[in-house]
């Protein structure tokens, strides 16, 4: 926003930034340098920036890779709000449970080629995995019923690496 003679209206700029940051659930001073923010906060600033352009399309590539569970929950809440406002979101992820939580449709690419685009309703994780790898995962890693387990090779009880680590058995 500009005032007379093309001078930037900093007050209006900061008010707009505060509103956008609030929309994505980020309570920081808009004058804060991005380098001072955490990774999750940086991602929220990027989403707020996209919203500042009234974007109708938002592409998120593995957005939860560095987020904690509470941050993921907040991101999903934002995504659901944006979807309700008519924003189209392309969400790229290998975490299939996330796709089922926030998605409507899934597109699977393999080796740079389109495999399928399908509604998520009626699909399962094994269905998507089958599309991703081109075969049923059980075909490659299935249990062979002819294998008979042998004697125990090693048994450990209450093992600790150090006093600070939990016991494992």
Protein backbone atom coordinates (compact mmCIF):
# COMPACT_ATOMS: atom_id res chain seq x y z
CA UNK A 1 0.00 0.00 0.00
CA UNK A 2 1.18 3.48 -0.85
CA UNK A 3 0.56 6.95 0.45
CA UNK A 4 1.12 10.18 -1.41
CA UNK A 5 4.09 10.39 -3.78
CA UNK A 6 4.48 6.59 -3.87
CA UNK A 7 5.70 6.31 -0.27
CA UNK A 8 4.99 2.91 1.28
CA UNK A 9 2.28 3.01 3.94
CA UNK A 10 4.06 0.89 6.56
CA UNK A 11 1.15 0.97 9.03
CA UNK A 12 -1.26 -0.42 6.43
CA UNK A 13 1.37 -2.94 5.30
CA UNK A 14 1.88 -4.20 8.86
CA UNK A 15 -1.89 -4.36 9.55
CA UNK A 16 -2.34 -6.53 6.43
CA UNK A 17 0.62 -8.72 7.45
CA UNK A 18 -0.79 -9.19 10.98
CA UNK A 19 -4.16 -10.23 9.50
CA UNK A 20 -2.51 -12.74 7.13
CA UNK A 21 -0.29 -14.17 9.86
CA UNK A 22 -3.33 -14.49 12.13
CA UNK A 23 -5.17 -16.35 9.35
CA UNK A 24 -2.46 -19.03 9.35
CA UNK A 25 -2.31 -19.12 13.15
CA UNK A 26 1.03 -17.37 13.54
CA UNK A 27 1.34 -14.78 16.30
CA UNK A 28 4.57 -12.95 15.48
CA UNK A 29 5.44 -9.33 14.85
CA UNK A 30 5.37 -8.82 11.06
CA UNK A 31 8.68 -6.96 11.32
CA UNK A 32 10.43 -10.09 12.64
CA UNK A 33 13.17 -11.29 10.31
CA UNK A 34 12.31 -14.68 8.82
CA UNK A 35 15.77 -16.01 9.72
CA UNK A 36 14.79 -15.66 13.39
CA UNK A 37 11.79 -18.00 12.98
CA UNK A 38 11.62 -21.76 13.33
CA UNK A 39 11.08 -24.02 10.32
CA UNK A 40 7.35 -24.44 10.99
CA UNK A 41 6.93 -20.69 11.38
CA UNK A 42 8.79 -20.13 8.10
CA UNK A 43 6.38 -22.46 6.33
CA UNK A 44 3.42 -20.59 7.79
CA UNK A 45 4.92 -17.30 6.58
CA UNK A 46 5.17 -18.79 3.08
CA UNK A 47 1.51 -19.82 3.21
CA UNK A 48 0.56 -16.33 4.44
CA UNK A 49 2.56 -14.85 1.56
CA UNK A 50 0.65 -16.99 -0.93
CA UNK A 51 -2.61 -15.87 0.65
CA UNK A 52 -1.55 -12.23 0.31
CA UNK A 53 -1.77 -12.67 -3.46
CA UNK A 54 -5.28 -14.15 -3.10
CA UNK A 55 -3.88 -17.36 -4.53
CA UNK A 56 -6.40 -19.89 -5.73
CA UNK A 57 -3.76 -22.63 -5.91
CA UNK A 58 -1.30 -23.63 -3.21
CA UNK A 59 1.36 -26.29 -3.82
CA UNK A 60 2.84 -27.90 -0.71
CA UNK A 61 5.75 -30.30 -1.25
CA UNK A 62 6.37 -32.58 1.76
CA UNK A 63 5.28 -29.79 4.13
CA UNK A 64 5.25 -31.98 7.26
CA UNK A 65 8.75 -33.41 6.84
CA UNK A 66 10.21 -31.16 9.55
CA UNK A 67 7.11 -30.46 11.63
CA UNK A 68 6.11 -31.76 15.06
CA UNK A 69 2.68 -33.39 15.56
CA UNK A 70 1.09 -30.19 16.99
CA UNK A 71 2.48 -28.18 14.05
CA UNK A 72 1.11 -30.76 11.61
CA UNK A 73 -2.29 -30.51 13.28
CA UNK A 74 -2.22 -26.71 12.87
CA UNK A 75 -1.15 -27.01 9.22
CA UNK A 76 -4.01 -29.43 8.50
CA UNK A 77 -6.46 -27.05 10.16
CA UNK A 78 -5.21 -24.26 7.89
CA UNK A 79 -5.46 -26.50 4.83
CA UNK A 80 -9.06 -27.42 5.69
CA UNK A 81 -9.94 -23.72 6.14
CA UNK A 82 -8.35 -22.84 2.81
CA UNK A 83 -10.20 -25.68 1.07
CA UNK A 84 -13.47 -24.36 2.50
CA UNK A 85 -12.62 -20.94 1.02
CA UNK A 86 -12.18 -22.49 -2.43
CA UNK A 87 -8.38 -22.64 -2.55
CA UNK A 88 -7.10 -25.63 -4.53
CA UNK A 89 -4.25 -27.39 -2.75
CA UNK A 90 -1.77 -29.75 -4.35
CA UNK A 91 -0.27 -31.68 -1.47
CA UNK A 92 2.81 -33.75 -2.33
CA UNK A 93 3.65 -36.42 0.24
CA UNK A 94 4.80 -39.97 0.75
CA UNK A 95 2.97 -40.05 4.08
CA UNK A 96 -0.20 -41.70 2.89
CA UNK A 97 -2.14 -41.30 6.15
CA UNK A 98 -1.83 -37.53 5.66
CA UNK A 99 -3.25 -37.78 2.16
CA UNK A 100 -6.29 -39.60 3.52
CA UNK A 101 -6.75 -37.04 6.31
CA UNK A 102 -6.85 -33.92 4.14
CA UNK A 103 -7.26 -35.04 0.55
CA UNK A 104 -10.18 -35.55 -1.77
CA UNK A 105 -8.35 -37.08 -4.71
CA UNK A 106 -4.96 -38.66 -5.23
CA UNK A 107 -2.70 -38.59 -8.26
CA UNK A 108 0.08 -41.15 -8.37
CA UNK A 109 3.18 -40.55 -10.46
CA UNK A 110 5.81 -43.23 -11.05
CA UNK A 111 9.07 -42.55 -12.87
CA UNK A 112 7.75 -39.16 -13.97
CA UNK A 113 4.62 -40.61 -15.57
CA UNK A 114 0.98 -40.41 -14.56
CA UNK A 115 -0.26 -43.71 -13.16
CA UNK A 116 -3.74 -42.67 -12.03
CA UNK A 117 -5.91 -39.95 -10.56
CA UNK A 118 -8.68 -41.28 -8.34
CA UNK A 119 -11.08 -40.15 -5.63
CA UNK A 120 -9.78 -41.19 -2.22
CA UNK A 121 -13.21 -42.46 -1.23
CA UNK A 122 -13.08 -46.24 -1.55
CA UNK A 123 -9.29 -46.44 -1.77
CA UNK A 124 -7.01 -47.93 0.86
CA UNK A 125 -3.32 -47.46 1.60
CA UNK A 126 -2.48 -50.81 -0.09
CA UNK A 127 -4.36 -49.62 -3.20
CA UNK A 128 -2.21 -46.50 -3.41
CA UNK A 129 0.99 -48.41 -2.64
CA UNK A 130 0.12 -50.82 -5.46
CA UNK A 131 -0.25 -47.86 -7.82
CA UNK A 132 3.03 -46.34 -6.57
CA UNK A 133 5.20 -49.43 -7.01
CA UNK A 134 3.32 -51.15 -9.81
CA UNK A 135 2.65 -54.42 -8.01
CA UNK A 136 1.27 -55.76 -4.75
CA UNK A 137 3.77 -55.26 -1.93
CA UNK A 138 2.99 -58.75 -0.59
CA UNK A 139 4.33 -60.23 -3.86
CA UNK A 140 7.79 -58.96 -2.98
CA UNK A 141 7.84 -59.12 0.80
CA UNK A 142 5.21 -61.70 1.61
CA UNK A 143 5.60 -64.27 4.35
CA UNK A 144 6.71 -67.68 3.13
CA UNK A 145 4.68 -70.21 5.12
CA UNK A 146 7.27 -72.92 4.39
CA UNK A 147 9.88 -71.16 6.55
CA UNK A 148 10.04 -72.70 10.02
CA UNK A 149 11.50 -70.49 12.78
CA UNK A 150 14.58 -71.97 14.45
CA UNK A 151 15.93 -71.62 17.99
CA UNK A 152 16.31 -68.23 19.62
CA UNK A 153 19.65 -66.74 18.51
CA UNK A 154 19.79 -63.92 21.08
CA UNK A 155 17.61 -62.95 24.02
CA UNK A 156 18.04 -59.65 25.90
CA UNK A 157 16.25 -58.48 29.05
CA UNK A 158 16.32 -54.96 30.52
CA UNK A 159 19.28 -53.81 28.40
CA UNK A 160 20.29 -50.14 28.73
CA UNK A 161 22.80 -48.28 26.58
CA UNK A 162 23.29 -45.73 29.35
CA UNK A 163 21.57 -44.66 32.54
CA UNK A 164 19.58 -42.09 30.56
CA UNK A 165 18.14 -44.54 27.99
CA UNK A 166 15.08 -46.71 28.58
CA UNK A 167 15.39 -50.43 29.11
CA UNK A 168 14.68 -52.73 26.18
CA UNK A 169 13.99 -56.44 26.12
